[in-house]
């Protein structure tokens, strides 16, 4: 798992190095020498009362086949702005005691949304989505760009592939669900799909 994460990390940095300034290792070295402790800023996703049962059912389904994970296209988007990556993995605070830190949001208008996926040991993308991610933009991406991105996936794997995405509002629109029901009949994972 670390291997593909590292590959995505390196590729995203290379692609965006002219747009953003990324922090250097010297910052961390200085803080470590000053006896500071690294605290991770926590973000919480709200879970509803029925979520536990749905997650348990999904785990049982996934554990039903030892090879199924090799055929799931795990997809997600990340948004970047001029301040850097809006991603909890990069939100750290160095301090000598826990500051109970929060993350401030800068409401800049400039941002880039990037889509990327992993299928078994293969990285698919990244692909920059223009503008704001809406149901129309996401549907257009699925119809026009995803087939091009999947050209190098072997046909036997593509024929058995499950498409997975999270529960972001553009992902669960009626138009997107209809498209996925047609393009991946019974083989997509997400809100309102055959596998939640």
N, C-alpha and C. Protein backbone atom coordinates (compact mmCIF):
# COMPACT_ATOMS: atom_id res chain seq x y z
N UNK A 1 0.82 -1.18 0.00
CA UNK A 1 0.00 0.00 0.00
C UNK A 1 0.88 1.25 0.00
N UNK A 2 1.98 1.23 0.75
CA UNK A 2 2.86 2.39 0.82
C UNK A 2 3.47 2.69 -0.54
N UNK A 3 3.75 1.64 -1.34
CA UNK A 3 4.39 1.83 -2.63
C UNK A 3 3.54 2.70 -3.56
N UNK A 4 2.24 2.40 -3.67
CA UNK A 4 1.41 3.21 -4.57
C UNK A 4 1.17 4.59 -3.99
N UNK A 5 1.07 4.71 -2.64
CA UNK A 5 0.89 6.03 -2.05
C UNK A 5 2.10 6.90 -2.37
N UNK A 6 3.28 6.34 -2.24
CA UNK A 6 4.51 7.10 -2.54
C UNK A 6 4.53 7.51 -4.01
N UNK A 7 4.12 6.60 -4.90
CA UNK A 7 4.10 6.92 -6.33
C UNK A 7 3.14 8.07 -6.63
N UNK A 8 1.96 8.07 -6.00
CA UNK A 8 0.99 9.15 -6.20
C UNK A 8 1.58 10.45 -5.65
N UNK A 9 2.16 10.39 -4.46
CA UNK A 9 2.73 11.56 -3.81
C UNK A 9 3.80 12.20 -4.69
N UNK A 10 4.71 11.40 -5.22
CA UNK A 10 5.79 11.91 -6.06
C UNK A 10 5.23 12.50 -7.35
N UNK A 11 4.27 11.81 -7.97
CA UNK A 11 3.72 12.27 -9.23
C UNK A 11 2.95 13.58 -9.08
N UNK A 12 2.19 13.71 -7.99
CA UNK A 12 1.43 14.93 -7.75
C UNK A 12 2.38 16.09 -7.51
N UNK A 13 3.43 15.86 -6.70
CA UNK A 13 4.40 16.93 -6.45
C UNK A 13 5.09 17.37 -7.74
N UNK A 14 5.47 16.41 -8.59
CA UNK A 14 6.13 16.76 -9.84
C UNK A 14 5.21 17.58 -10.73
N UNK A 15 3.94 17.18 -10.78
CA UNK A 15 3.00 17.86 -11.66
C UNK A 15 2.66 19.28 -11.19
N UNK A 16 2.69 19.48 -9.88
CA UNK A 16 2.26 20.76 -9.33
C UNK A 16 3.40 21.60 -8.75
N UNK A 17 4.65 21.21 -8.98
CA UNK A 17 5.77 21.93 -8.35
C UNK A 17 5.89 23.38 -8.81
N UNK A 18 5.41 23.71 -10.01
CA UNK A 18 5.50 25.09 -10.47
C UNK A 18 4.36 25.95 -9.94
N UNK A 19 3.33 25.31 -9.38
CA UNK A 19 2.16 26.05 -8.91
C UNK A 19 2.23 26.29 -7.40
N UNK A 20 2.74 25.31 -6.63
CA UNK A 20 2.72 25.39 -5.19
C UNK A 20 4.12 25.32 -4.61
N UNK A 21 4.26 25.84 -3.39
CA UNK A 21 5.50 25.72 -2.64
C UNK A 21 5.24 24.71 -1.53
N UNK A 22 6.00 23.62 -1.51
CA UNK A 22 5.82 22.59 -0.51
C UNK A 22 6.82 22.78 0.63
N UNK A 23 6.44 22.49 1.89
CA UNK A 23 7.36 22.64 3.00
C UNK A 23 8.56 21.70 2.87
N UNK A 24 9.69 22.12 3.42
CA UNK A 24 10.91 21.31 3.32
C UNK A 24 11.13 20.52 4.60
N UNK A 25 12.06 19.58 4.53
CA UNK A 25 12.38 18.75 5.70
C UNK A 25 13.06 19.53 6.80
N UNK A 26 13.67 20.66 6.47
CA UNK A 26 14.38 21.45 7.48
C UNK A 26 13.44 21.90 8.59
N UNK A 27 12.18 22.20 8.24
CA UNK A 27 11.21 22.63 9.26
C UNK A 27 11.05 21.54 10.31
N UNK A 28 10.86 20.32 9.87
CA UNK A 28 10.70 19.20 10.80
C UNK A 28 11.95 18.95 11.62
N UNK A 29 13.13 19.04 11.00
CA UNK A 29 14.39 18.82 11.72
C UNK A 29 14.55 19.85 12.84
N UNK A 30 14.26 21.11 12.53
CA UNK A 30 14.37 22.17 13.53
C UNK A 30 13.45 21.90 14.71
N UNK A 31 12.21 21.52 14.42
CA UNK A 31 11.24 21.27 15.49
C UNK A 31 11.66 20.06 16.33
N UNK A 32 12.20 19.03 15.70
CA UNK A 32 12.64 17.85 16.45
C UNK A 32 13.80 18.22 17.36
N UNK A 33 14.73 19.05 16.90
CA UNK A 33 15.87 19.46 17.72
C UNK A 33 15.42 20.34 18.88
N UNK A 34 14.30 21.01 18.74
CA UNK A 34 13.79 21.89 19.79
C UNK A 34 12.91 21.13 20.78
N UNK A 35 12.91 19.81 20.71
CA UNK A 35 12.13 18.93 21.60
C UNK A 35 10.63 19.14 21.47
N UNK A 36 10.18 19.52 20.30
CA UNK A 36 8.75 19.65 20.05
C UNK A 36 8.18 18.28 19.70
N UNK A 37 6.89 18.14 19.88
CA UNK A 37 6.21 16.89 19.57
C UNK A 37 5.28 17.15 18.39
N UNK A 38 5.17 16.17 17.50
CA UNK A 38 4.30 16.29 16.33
C UNK A 38 2.89 15.85 16.70
N UNK A 39 1.93 16.74 16.58
CA UNK A 39 0.53 16.42 16.83
C UNK A 39 -0.21 16.45 15.51
N UNK A 40 -1.03 15.44 15.29
CA UNK A 40 -1.80 15.33 14.07
C UNK A 40 -3.17 15.96 14.30
N UNK A 41 -3.59 16.83 13.40
CA UNK A 41 -4.91 17.46 13.50
C UNK A 41 -5.94 16.44 13.07
N UNK A 42 -6.93 16.19 13.90
CA UNK A 42 -7.93 15.18 13.59
C UNK A 42 -9.15 15.81 12.93
N UNK A 43 -9.62 15.16 11.91
CA UNK A 43 -10.89 15.51 11.30
C UNK A 43 -11.81 14.32 11.50
N UNK A 44 -13.05 14.59 11.72
CA UNK A 44 -13.99 13.51 11.96
C UNK A 44 -15.08 13.52 10.91
N UNK A 45 -15.41 12.33 10.43
CA UNK A 45 -16.51 12.17 9.48
C UNK A 45 -17.72 11.75 10.28
N UNK A 46 -18.82 12.42 10.06
CA UNK A 46 -20.04 12.07 10.78
C UNK A 46 -20.57 10.73 10.27
N UNK A 47 -20.84 9.84 11.19
CA UNK A 47 -21.43 8.55 10.85
C UNK A 47 -22.84 8.51 11.42
N UNK A 48 -23.76 8.04 10.60
CA UNK A 48 -25.15 7.95 11.04
C UNK A 48 -25.42 6.64 11.76
N UNK A 49 -26.61 6.52 12.35
CA UNK A 49 -26.96 5.31 13.13
C UNK A 49 -26.91 4.02 12.30
N UNK A 50 -27.26 4.09 11.02
CA UNK A 50 -27.29 2.87 10.20
C UNK A 50 -25.96 2.53 9.54
N UNK A 51 -24.97 3.38 9.72
CA UNK A 51 -23.69 3.19 9.02
C UNK A 51 -22.94 1.95 9.47
N UNK A 52 -23.00 1.62 10.76
CA UNK A 52 -22.25 0.47 11.26
C UNK A 52 -22.72 -0.82 10.57
N UNK A 53 -24.03 -1.02 10.49
CA UNK A 53 -24.57 -2.23 9.86
C UNK A 53 -24.19 -2.29 8.38
N UNK A 54 -24.25 -1.15 7.68
CA UNK A 54 -23.88 -1.12 6.27
C UNK A 54 -22.40 -1.44 6.08
N UNK A 55 -21.55 -0.89 6.95
CA UNK A 55 -20.11 -1.15 6.84
C UNK A 55 -19.79 -2.61 7.14
N UNK A 56 -20.47 -3.16 8.12
CA UNK A 56 -20.26 -4.57 8.46
C UNK A 56 -20.68 -5.46 7.29
N UNK A 57 -21.80 -5.16 6.68
CA UNK A 57 -22.28 -5.93 5.52
C UNK A 57 -21.30 -5.82 4.36
N UNK A 58 -20.76 -4.61 4.13
CA UNK A 58 -19.78 -4.41 3.07
C UNK A 58 -18.52 -5.24 3.34
N UNK A 59 -18.05 -5.24 4.59
CA UNK A 59 -16.86 -6.03 4.94
C UNK A 59 -17.08 -7.52 4.71
N UNK A 60 -18.27 -8.00 5.06
CA UNK A 60 -18.58 -9.42 4.82
C UNK A 60 -18.55 -9.73 3.33
N UNK A 61 -19.13 -8.82 2.53
CA UNK A 61 -19.13 -9.00 1.08
C UNK A 61 -17.70 -9.01 0.53
N UNK A 62 -16.89 -8.06 0.98
CA UNK A 62 -15.52 -7.95 0.50
C UNK A 62 -14.67 -9.15 0.93
N UNK A 63 -14.89 -9.63 2.14
CA UNK A 63 -14.13 -10.79 2.62
C UNK A 63 -14.59 -12.10 1.98
N UNK A 64 -15.71 -12.08 1.25
CA UNK A 64 -16.23 -13.28 0.61
C UNK A 64 -15.32 -13.82 -0.48
N UNK A 65 -14.44 -12.99 -1.02
CA UNK A 65 -13.52 -13.42 -2.07
C UNK A 65 -12.13 -12.89 -1.76
N UNK A 66 -11.16 -13.75 -1.78
CA UNK A 66 -9.79 -13.33 -1.47
C UNK A 66 -9.16 -12.52 -2.61
N UNK A 67 -9.72 -12.58 -3.80
CA UNK A 67 -9.15 -11.88 -4.95
C UNK A 67 -9.92 -10.63 -5.35
N UNK A 68 -11.05 -10.39 -4.73
CA UNK A 68 -11.91 -9.28 -5.14
C UNK A 68 -11.20 -7.93 -5.08
N UNK A 69 -10.39 -7.69 -4.06
CA UNK A 69 -9.72 -6.39 -3.92
C UNK A 69 -8.82 -6.07 -5.12
N UNK A 70 -8.37 -7.08 -5.84
CA UNK A 70 -7.52 -6.85 -7.02
C UNK A 70 -8.31 -6.25 -8.19
N UNK A 71 -9.64 -6.32 -8.12
CA UNK A 71 -10.48 -5.85 -9.21
C UNK A 71 -11.29 -4.60 -8.84
N UNK A 72 -10.97 -4.00 -7.72
CA UNK A 72 -11.67 -2.77 -7.32
C UNK A 72 -10.80 -1.56 -7.68
N UNK A 73 -11.37 -0.66 -8.45
CA UNK A 73 -10.71 0.60 -8.79
C UNK A 73 -11.03 1.58 -7.66
N UNK A 74 -10.08 1.77 -6.74
CA UNK A 74 -10.25 2.68 -5.62
C UNK A 74 -9.95 4.09 -6.11
N UNK A 75 -10.97 4.94 -6.18
CA UNK A 75 -10.83 6.27 -6.77
C UNK A 75 -11.15 7.35 -5.74
N UNK A 76 -10.49 8.49 -5.88
CA UNK A 76 -10.79 9.63 -5.02
C UNK A 76 -10.25 10.90 -5.66
N UNK A 77 -10.74 12.03 -5.17
CA UNK A 77 -10.25 13.33 -5.62
C UNK A 77 -9.63 14.04 -4.44
N UNK A 78 -8.73 14.95 -4.75
CA UNK A 78 -8.15 15.81 -3.74
C UNK A 78 -8.09 17.21 -4.31
N UNK A 79 -8.36 18.19 -3.46
CA UNK A 79 -8.35 19.56 -3.94
C UNK A 79 -7.11 20.27 -3.41
N UNK A 80 -6.45 21.01 -4.28
CA UNK A 80 -5.26 21.77 -3.94
C UNK A 80 -5.58 23.25 -4.11
N UNK A 81 -5.00 24.08 -3.25
CA UNK A 81 -5.11 25.52 -3.46
C UNK A 81 -3.73 26.13 -3.28
N UNK A 82 -3.63 27.42 -3.33
CA UNK A 82 -2.33 28.08 -3.24
C UNK A 82 -1.62 27.84 -1.92
N UNK A 83 -2.36 27.47 -0.88
CA UNK A 83 -1.74 27.20 0.42
C UNK A 83 -1.16 25.79 0.51
N UNK A 84 -1.47 24.93 -0.42
CA UNK A 84 -0.99 23.55 -0.37
C UNK A 84 -2.14 22.57 -0.47
N UNK A 85 -1.92 21.39 0.01
CA UNK A 85 -2.89 20.31 -0.10
C UNK A 85 -3.91 20.41 1.02
N UNK A 86 -5.19 20.38 0.70
CA UNK A 86 -6.24 20.31 1.71
C UNK A 86 -6.47 18.85 2.06
N UNK A 87 -5.61 18.31 2.86
CA UNK A 87 -5.64 16.88 3.14
C UNK A 87 -5.19 16.69 4.58
N UNK A 88 -5.95 15.94 5.37
CA UNK A 88 -5.64 15.76 6.79
C UNK A 88 -4.30 15.08 7.01
N UNK A 89 -3.80 14.32 6.04
CA UNK A 89 -2.51 13.66 6.20
C UNK A 89 -1.38 14.67 6.33
N UNK A 90 -1.58 15.86 5.80
CA UNK A 90 -0.53 16.88 5.83
C UNK A 90 -0.76 17.92 6.92
N UNK A 91 -1.74 17.73 7.78
CA UNK A 91 -2.04 18.70 8.82
C UNK A 91 -1.36 18.28 10.12
N UNK A 92 -0.23 18.88 10.43
CA UNK A 92 0.52 18.56 11.64
C UNK A 92 0.88 19.85 12.36
N UNK A 93 1.01 19.77 13.66
CA UNK A 93 1.42 20.91 14.46
C UNK A 93 2.54 20.45 15.38
N UNK A 94 3.66 21.16 15.35
CA UNK A 94 4.78 20.87 16.25
C UNK A 94 4.63 21.77 17.47
N UNK A 95 4.67 21.18 18.67
CA UNK A 95 4.58 21.96 19.90
C UNK A 95 5.12 21.14 21.05
N UNK A 96 5.44 21.81 22.18
CA UNK A 96 5.94 21.06 23.33
C UNK A 96 4.81 20.49 24.17
N UNK A 97 3.57 20.95 23.93
CA UNK A 97 2.39 20.32 24.52
C UNK A 97 1.25 20.41 23.52
N UNK A 98 0.24 19.57 23.69
CA UNK A 98 -0.85 19.47 22.72
C UNK A 98 -1.60 20.80 22.63
N UNK A 99 -1.59 21.44 21.45
CA UNK A 99 -2.26 22.73 21.31
C UNK A 99 -3.74 22.62 20.98
N UNK A 100 -4.26 21.37 20.83
CA UNK A 100 -5.64 21.16 20.41
C UNK A 100 -5.92 22.02 19.17
N UNK A 101 -5.10 21.83 18.16
CA UNK A 101 -5.07 22.68 16.97
C UNK A 101 -6.30 22.50 16.10
N UNK A 102 -6.63 23.58 15.43
CA UNK A 102 -7.67 23.56 14.40
C UNK A 102 -7.03 24.00 13.09
N UNK A 103 -7.72 23.76 12.00
CA UNK A 103 -7.22 24.13 10.68
C UNK A 103 -8.02 25.32 10.19
N UNK A 104 -7.34 26.41 9.88
CA UNK A 104 -8.02 27.57 9.32
C UNK A 104 -8.21 27.37 7.83
N UNK A 105 -9.34 27.82 7.33
CA UNK A 105 -9.61 27.73 5.91
C UNK A 105 -9.44 29.10 5.29
N UNK A 106 -8.71 29.15 4.20
CA UNK A 106 -8.54 30.38 3.46
C UNK A 106 -9.45 30.27 2.24
N UNK A 107 -10.39 31.15 2.11
CA UNK A 107 -11.38 31.03 1.05
C UNK A 107 -10.89 31.69 -0.24
N UNK A 108 -9.80 31.16 -0.76
CA UNK A 108 -9.30 31.64 -2.04
C UNK A 108 -10.12 31.04 -3.16
N UNK A 109 -10.15 31.72 -4.25
CA UNK A 109 -10.92 31.22 -5.39
C UNK A 109 -10.13 30.25 -6.25
N UNK A 110 -8.81 30.31 -6.17
CA UNK A 110 -7.99 29.43 -7.00
C UNK A 110 -7.87 28.06 -6.35
N UNK A 111 -8.22 27.04 -7.09
CA UNK A 111 -8.01 25.67 -6.61
C UNK A 111 -8.00 24.72 -7.81
N UNK A 112 -7.42 23.58 -7.58
CA UNK A 112 -7.34 22.52 -8.60
C UNK A 112 -7.83 21.24 -7.95
N UNK A 113 -8.69 20.52 -8.63
CA UNK A 113 -9.14 19.22 -8.14
C UNK A 113 -8.48 18.15 -8.99
N UNK A 114 -7.89 17.19 -8.33
CA UNK A 114 -7.19 16.13 -9.04
C UNK A 114 -7.79 14.78 -8.67
N UNK A 115 -8.07 13.98 -9.68
CA UNK A 115 -8.62 12.64 -9.51
C UNK A 115 -7.50 11.63 -9.70
N UNK A 116 -7.52 10.59 -8.91
CA UNK A 116 -6.52 9.53 -9.04
C UNK A 116 -7.14 8.23 -8.55
N UNK A 117 -6.65 7.11 -9.02
CA UNK A 117 -7.19 5.82 -8.61
C UNK A 117 -6.09 4.77 -8.59
N UNK A 118 -6.38 3.69 -7.88
CA UNK A 118 -5.47 2.55 -7.81
C UNK A 118 -6.28 1.30 -8.12
N UNK A 119 -5.76 0.48 -9.02
CA UNK A 119 -6.36 -0.80 -9.36
C UNK A 119 -5.29 -1.85 -9.19
N UNK A 120 -5.43 -2.67 -8.16
CA UNK A 120 -4.43 -3.69 -7.81
C UNK A 120 -3.09 -2.99 -7.58
N UNK A 121 -2.13 -3.16 -8.47
CA UNK A 121 -0.82 -2.52 -8.28
C UNK A 121 -0.58 -1.43 -9.33
N UNK A 122 -1.65 -0.96 -9.95
CA UNK A 122 -1.53 0.00 -11.04
C UNK A 122 -2.12 1.35 -10.64
N UNK A 123 -1.37 2.42 -10.88
CA UNK A 123 -1.84 3.77 -10.63
C UNK A 123 -2.56 4.28 -11.87
N UNK A 124 -3.77 4.78 -11.70
CA UNK A 124 -4.55 5.33 -12.80
C UNK A 124 -4.64 6.84 -12.58
N UNK A 125 -4.13 7.62 -13.50
CA UNK A 125 -4.11 9.06 -13.35
C UNK A 125 -2.75 9.51 -12.87
N UNK A 126 -2.64 10.65 -12.30
CA UNK A 126 -3.69 11.58 -11.90
C UNK A 126 -4.27 12.34 -13.09
N UNK A 127 -5.47 12.88 -12.87
CA UNK A 127 -6.15 13.67 -13.88
C UNK A 127 -6.69 14.93 -13.22
N UNK A 128 -6.40 16.09 -13.80
CA UNK A 128 -6.87 17.35 -13.24
C UNK A 128 -8.27 17.64 -13.77
N UNK A 129 -9.20 17.83 -12.85
CA UNK A 129 -10.59 18.16 -13.19
C UNK A 129 -10.71 19.68 -13.20
N UNK A 130 -11.16 20.22 -14.29
CA UNK A 130 -11.27 21.66 -14.45
C UNK A 130 -12.44 22.21 -13.63
N UNK A 131 -12.25 23.34 -13.00
CA UNK A 131 -13.33 24.01 -12.28
C UNK A 131 -13.78 23.27 -11.05
N UNK A 132 -14.95 23.64 -10.60
CA UNK A 132 -15.54 23.05 -9.40
C UNK A 132 -16.11 21.68 -9.73
N UNK A 133 -16.02 20.75 -8.78
CA UNK A 133 -16.54 19.40 -9.01
C UNK A 133 -18.05 19.41 -8.77
N UNK A 134 -18.79 19.33 -9.85
CA UNK A 134 -20.25 19.28 -9.80
C UNK A 134 -20.68 17.93 -10.37
N UNK A 135 -21.97 17.64 -10.26
CA UNK A 135 -22.44 16.36 -10.83
C UNK A 135 -22.24 16.33 -12.34
N UNK A 136 -22.41 17.47 -13.00
CA UNK A 136 -22.22 17.53 -14.45
C UNK A 136 -20.75 17.29 -14.81
N UNK A 137 -19.85 17.94 -14.07
CA UNK A 137 -18.42 17.78 -14.33
C UNK A 137 -17.97 16.35 -14.05
N UNK A 138 -18.48 15.76 -12.98
CA UNK A 138 -18.10 14.39 -12.63
C UNK A 138 -18.64 13.40 -13.66
N UNK A 139 -19.88 13.59 -14.10
CA UNK A 139 -20.46 12.73 -15.12
C UNK A 139 -19.67 12.84 -16.43
N UNK A 140 -19.32 14.05 -16.82
CA UNK A 140 -18.52 14.26 -18.03
C UNK A 140 -17.17 13.55 -17.90
N UNK A 141 -16.56 13.63 -16.72
CA UNK A 141 -15.29 12.93 -16.48
C UNK A 141 -15.48 11.42 -16.66
N UNK A 142 -16.52 10.86 -16.06
CA UNK A 142 -16.76 9.41 -16.16
C UNK A 142 -17.01 8.98 -17.60
N UNK A 143 -17.74 9.79 -18.36
CA UNK A 143 -18.09 9.44 -19.73
C UNK A 143 -16.93 9.63 -20.71
N UNK A 144 -16.17 10.71 -20.55
CA UNK A 144 -15.17 11.06 -21.56
C UNK A 144 -13.74 10.74 -21.17
N UNK A 145 -13.37 10.98 -19.92
CA UNK A 145 -11.97 10.84 -19.52
C UNK A 145 -11.62 9.49 -18.92
N UNK A 146 -12.52 8.93 -18.11
CA UNK A 146 -12.21 7.65 -17.47
C UNK A 146 -11.89 6.55 -18.49
N UNK A 147 -12.65 6.42 -19.59
CA UNK A 147 -12.28 5.39 -20.58
C UNK A 147 -10.86 5.55 -21.12
N UNK A 148 -10.42 6.80 -21.34
CA UNK A 148 -9.05 7.03 -21.81
C UNK A 148 -8.03 6.64 -20.74
N UNK A 149 -8.34 6.94 -19.48
CA UNK A 149 -7.42 6.61 -18.40
C UNK A 149 -7.31 5.08 -18.19
N UNK A 150 -8.35 4.36 -18.59
CA UNK A 150 -8.35 2.90 -18.40
C UNK A 150 -7.82 2.14 -19.61
N UNK A 151 -7.33 2.84 -20.63
CA UNK A 151 -6.86 2.17 -21.85
C UNK A 151 -5.77 1.14 -21.59
N UNK A 152 -4.91 1.38 -20.61
CA UNK A 152 -3.78 0.47 -20.37
C UNK A 152 -4.09 -0.61 -19.34
N UNK A 153 -5.32 -0.67 -18.89
CA UNK A 153 -5.74 -1.75 -18.00
C UNK A 153 -6.11 -2.94 -18.88
N UNK A 154 -5.56 -4.12 -18.60
CA UNK A 154 -5.89 -5.30 -19.42
C UNK A 154 -7.40 -5.54 -19.50
N UNK A 155 -7.88 -5.96 -20.67
CA UNK A 155 -9.31 -6.16 -20.89
C UNK A 155 -9.93 -7.15 -19.91
N UNK A 156 -9.21 -8.23 -19.59
CA UNK A 156 -9.78 -9.22 -18.66
C UNK A 156 -9.99 -8.61 -17.28
N UNK A 157 -9.12 -7.68 -16.88
CA UNK A 157 -9.28 -7.02 -15.59
C UNK A 157 -10.39 -5.97 -15.66
N UNK A 158 -10.46 -5.24 -16.78
CA UNK A 158 -11.51 -4.23 -16.95
C UNK A 158 -12.90 -4.84 -16.94
N UNK A 159 -13.03 -6.02 -17.50
CA UNK A 159 -14.32 -6.70 -17.56
C UNK A 159 -14.82 -7.15 -16.20
N UNK A 160 -13.92 -7.34 -15.24
CA UNK A 160 -14.30 -7.79 -13.90
C UNK A 160 -14.20 -6.66 -12.87
N UNK A 161 -13.81 -5.47 -13.32
CA UNK A 161 -13.50 -4.37 -12.43
C UNK A 161 -14.74 -3.78 -11.76
N UNK A 162 -14.59 -3.46 -10.47
CA UNK A 162 -15.58 -2.72 -9.71
C UNK A 162 -15.09 -1.28 -9.61
N UNK A 163 -15.99 -0.33 -9.74
CA UNK A 163 -15.63 1.08 -9.61
C UNK A 163 -16.06 1.54 -8.22
N UNK A 164 -15.12 2.10 -7.44
CA UNK A 164 -15.42 2.56 -6.09
C UNK A 164 -15.15 4.05 -5.98
N UNK A 165 -16.10 4.78 -5.42
CA UNK A 165 -15.87 6.18 -5.07
C UNK A 165 -16.59 6.48 -3.76
N UNK A 166 -16.27 7.62 -3.14
CA UNK A 166 -16.86 7.92 -1.83
C UNK A 166 -18.24 8.54 -1.99
N UNK A 167 -18.77 9.07 -0.91
CA UNK A 167 -20.14 9.57 -0.91
C UNK A 167 -20.26 11.06 -1.15
N UNK A 168 -19.30 11.67 -1.86
CA UNK A 168 -19.39 13.10 -2.16
C UNK A 168 -20.67 13.37 -2.96
N UNK A 169 -21.32 14.51 -2.72
CA UNK A 169 -22.58 14.79 -3.42
C UNK A 169 -22.54 14.62 -4.94
N UNK A 170 -21.49 15.06 -5.66
CA UNK A 170 -21.50 14.84 -7.12
C UNK A 170 -21.48 13.37 -7.50
N UNK A 171 -20.98 12.51 -6.62
CA UNK A 171 -20.91 11.08 -6.92
C UNK A 171 -22.26 10.39 -6.82
N UNK A 172 -23.16 10.96 -6.03
CA UNK A 172 -24.42 10.26 -5.79
C UNK A 172 -25.61 10.87 -6.51
N UNK A 173 -25.36 11.70 -7.50
CA UNK A 173 -26.48 12.27 -8.26
C UNK A 173 -27.14 11.16 -9.10
N UNK A 174 -28.38 11.37 -9.43
CA UNK A 174 -29.14 10.38 -10.21
C UNK A 174 -28.47 10.08 -11.55
N UNK A 175 -27.96 11.14 -12.22
CA UNK A 175 -27.33 10.95 -13.52
C UNK A 175 -26.06 10.10 -13.41
N UNK A 176 -25.27 10.35 -12.39
CA UNK A 176 -24.04 9.56 -12.18
C UNK A 176 -24.39 8.12 -11.84
N UNK A 177 -25.36 7.92 -10.96
CA UNK A 177 -25.77 6.54 -10.61
C UNK A 177 -26.28 5.79 -11.83
N UNK A 178 -27.08 6.46 -12.67
CA UNK A 178 -27.58 5.82 -13.88
C UNK A 178 -26.44 5.42 -14.81
N UNK A 179 -25.47 6.31 -14.96
CA UNK A 179 -24.32 6.01 -15.81
C UNK A 179 -23.54 4.81 -15.26
N UNK A 180 -23.30 4.79 -13.95
CA UNK A 180 -22.55 3.68 -13.35
C UNK A 180 -23.33 2.38 -13.42
N UNK A 181 -24.66 2.44 -13.27
CA UNK A 181 -25.49 1.23 -13.42
C UNK A 181 -25.37 0.65 -14.83
N UNK A 182 -25.22 1.53 -15.82
CA UNK A 182 -25.07 1.08 -17.20
C UNK A 182 -23.63 0.62 -17.48
N UNK A 183 -22.65 1.43 -17.06
CA UNK A 183 -21.25 1.13 -17.37
C UNK A 183 -20.64 0.04 -16.51
N UNK A 184 -21.10 -0.08 -15.26
CA UNK A 184 -20.58 -1.08 -14.31
C UNK A 184 -21.77 -1.78 -13.66
N UNK A 185 -22.57 -2.53 -14.43
CA UNK A 185 -23.80 -3.12 -13.88
C UNK A 185 -23.50 -4.07 -12.71
N UNK A 186 -23.98 -3.69 -11.52
CA UNK A 186 -23.77 -4.51 -10.33
C UNK A 186 -22.34 -4.46 -9.82
N UNK A 187 -21.49 -3.62 -10.42
CA UNK A 187 -20.06 -3.61 -10.08
C UNK A 187 -19.55 -2.21 -9.74
N UNK A 188 -20.31 -1.48 -8.97
CA UNK A 188 -19.79 -0.22 -8.48
C UNK A 188 -20.13 -0.07 -7.00
N UNK A 189 -19.26 0.64 -6.30
CA UNK A 189 -19.35 0.77 -4.85
C UNK A 189 -19.47 2.26 -4.52
N UNK A 190 -20.53 2.62 -3.83
CA UNK A 190 -20.74 4.01 -3.45
C UNK A 190 -22.16 4.24 -2.99
N UNK A 191 -22.44 5.43 -2.54
CA UNK A 191 -23.77 5.76 -2.04
C UNK A 191 -24.82 5.56 -3.14
N UNK A 192 -25.87 4.82 -2.81
CA UNK A 192 -26.94 4.56 -3.76
C UNK A 192 -26.62 3.48 -4.78
N UNK A 193 -25.50 2.80 -4.60
CA UNK A 193 -25.09 1.77 -5.55
C UNK A 193 -25.39 0.37 -5.07
N UNK A 194 -25.05 -0.62 -5.88
CA UNK A 194 -25.31 -2.01 -5.51
C UNK A 194 -24.50 -2.45 -4.27
N UNK A 195 -23.38 -1.79 -4.02
CA UNK A 195 -22.54 -2.10 -2.85
C UNK A 195 -22.21 -0.78 -2.16
N UNK A 196 -22.79 -0.55 -0.98
CA UNK A 196 -22.54 0.69 -0.23
C UNK A 196 -21.30 0.56 0.61
